[in-house]
């Protein structure tokens, strides 16, 4: 076996656990959530496919208000955390007398 082929196999051996981790922890739940979004699934075991009905319910008039409040809350919440965090970082970075 050549040195480059050995290095290639070694690299894939190191990457394989990370790839499996991403597939198991990120990709599978993402795909499953997308699939379930087309059903009327709840905590019961049986469910029926309802197509895009769930998405049609999301984009009604009352949902727009909920989205606006969520974005507003998120903006102000993150802004305050950034301001407080920056203030704390400046305090910690300043010279302490003594």
Protein backbone atom coordinates (compact mmCIF):
# COMPACT_ATOMS: atom_id res chain seq x y z
CA UNK A 1 0.00 0.00 0.00
CA UNK A 2 1.37 3.41 -0.89
CA UNK A 3 1.91 6.18 1.61
CA UNK A 4 -0.78 8.42 0.10
CA UNK A 5 -3.34 5.61 0.15
CA UNK A 6 -2.47 4.84 3.76
CA UNK A 7 -2.88 8.51 4.67
CA UNK A 8 -6.24 8.59 2.86
CA UNK A 9 -7.50 5.56 4.80
CA UNK A 10 -6.24 7.03 8.06
CA UNK A 11 -7.99 10.34 7.33
CA UNK A 12 -11.29 8.60 6.62
CA UNK A 13 -10.90 6.48 9.74
CA UNK A 14 -10.62 9.67 11.76
CA UNK A 15 -13.51 11.36 9.93
CA UNK A 16 -15.92 8.42 10.09
CA UNK A 17 -16.98 8.88 13.75
CA UNK A 18 -17.58 12.60 13.19
CA UNK A 19 -19.62 11.94 10.08
CA UNK A 20 -21.68 9.28 11.86
CA UNK A 21 -22.21 11.66 14.77
CA UNK A 22 -23.47 14.42 12.50
CA UNK A 23 -25.77 12.02 10.69
CA UNK A 24 -27.16 10.57 13.93
CA UNK A 25 -27.45 13.75 15.98
CA UNK A 26 -28.18 16.41 13.37
CA UNK A 27 -29.29 15.02 10.02
CA UNK A 28 -31.66 12.28 11.18
CA UNK A 29 -33.74 14.47 13.54
CA UNK A 30 -33.85 17.20 10.90
CA UNK A 31 -35.18 14.83 8.25
CA UNK A 32 -37.61 13.21 10.71
CA UNK A 33 -38.95 16.59 11.83
CA UNK A 34 -39.48 17.65 8.23
CA UNK A 35 -41.30 14.38 7.50
CA UNK A 36 -43.50 14.72 10.59
CA UNK A 37 -44.40 18.29 9.67
CA UNK A 38 -46.62 16.85 6.95
CA UNK A 39 -48.63 14.77 9.45
CA UNK A 40 -51.10 15.37 12.26
CA UNK A 41 -48.74 13.62 14.69
CA UNK A 42 -49.16 14.13 18.41
CA UNK A 43 -48.24 12.00 21.42
CA UNK A 44 -50.36 9.14 20.16
CA UNK A 45 -48.69 6.47 18.06
CA UNK A 46 -50.85 6.77 14.96
CA UNK A 47 -50.89 9.72 12.64
CA UNK A 48 -52.14 10.59 9.18
CA UNK A 49 -50.45 12.53 6.44
CA UNK A 50 -52.21 15.87 5.95
CA UNK A 51 -50.00 17.38 3.27
CA UNK A 52 -49.36 21.12 3.53
CA UNK A 53 -52.31 21.78 5.85
CA UNK A 54 -49.98 22.44 8.78
CA UNK A 55 -48.08 25.01 6.75
CA UNK A 56 -51.32 26.67 5.63
CA UNK A 57 -52.33 27.06 9.31
CA UNK A 58 -49.00 28.69 10.14
CA UNK A 59 -49.39 31.52 7.66
CA UNK A 60 -52.76 32.82 8.78
CA UNK A 61 -53.36 36.32 10.19
CA UNK A 62 -52.96 35.50 13.89
CA UNK A 63 -49.69 33.68 13.33
CA UNK A 64 -48.14 36.81 11.82
CA UNK A 65 -48.63 38.59 15.16
CA UNK A 66 -46.99 35.73 17.01
CA UNK A 67 -43.99 35.82 14.68
CA UNK A 68 -43.68 39.61 15.06
CA UNK A 69 -43.70 39.33 18.87
CA UNK A 70 -41.13 36.53 18.72
CA UNK A 71 -38.78 38.56 16.53
CA UNK A 72 -39.24 41.65 18.73
CA UNK A 73 -38.56 39.69 21.92
CA UNK A 74 -35.54 38.00 20.37
CA UNK A 75 -34.09 41.29 19.13
CA UNK A 76 -34.38 43.04 22.49
CA UNK A 77 -33.29 39.99 24.46
CA UNK A 78 -30.15 39.46 22.39
CA UNK A 79 -29.41 43.20 22.37
CA UNK A 80 -29.54 43.39 26.16
CA UNK A 81 -27.34 40.32 26.52
CA UNK A 82 -24.79 41.83 24.15
CA UNK A 83 -24.78 45.15 26.03
CA UNK A 84 -24.44 43.51 29.44
CA UNK A 85 -21.80 41.09 28.15
CA UNK A 86 -19.77 43.87 26.56
CA UNK A 87 -19.99 45.96 29.73
CA UNK A 88 -18.80 42.98 31.79
CA UNK A 89 -15.94 42.30 29.38
CA UNK A 90 -14.81 45.93 29.58
CA UNK A 91 -14.89 45.78 33.37
CA UNK A 92 -12.91 42.54 33.46
CA UNK A 93 -10.38 43.88 30.96
CA UNK A 94 -9.74 47.13 32.80
CA UNK A 95 -6.72 47.57 35.02
CA UNK A 96 -7.29 46.90 38.70
CA UNK A 97 -5.52 49.31 41.05
CA UNK A 98 -3.14 47.76 43.53
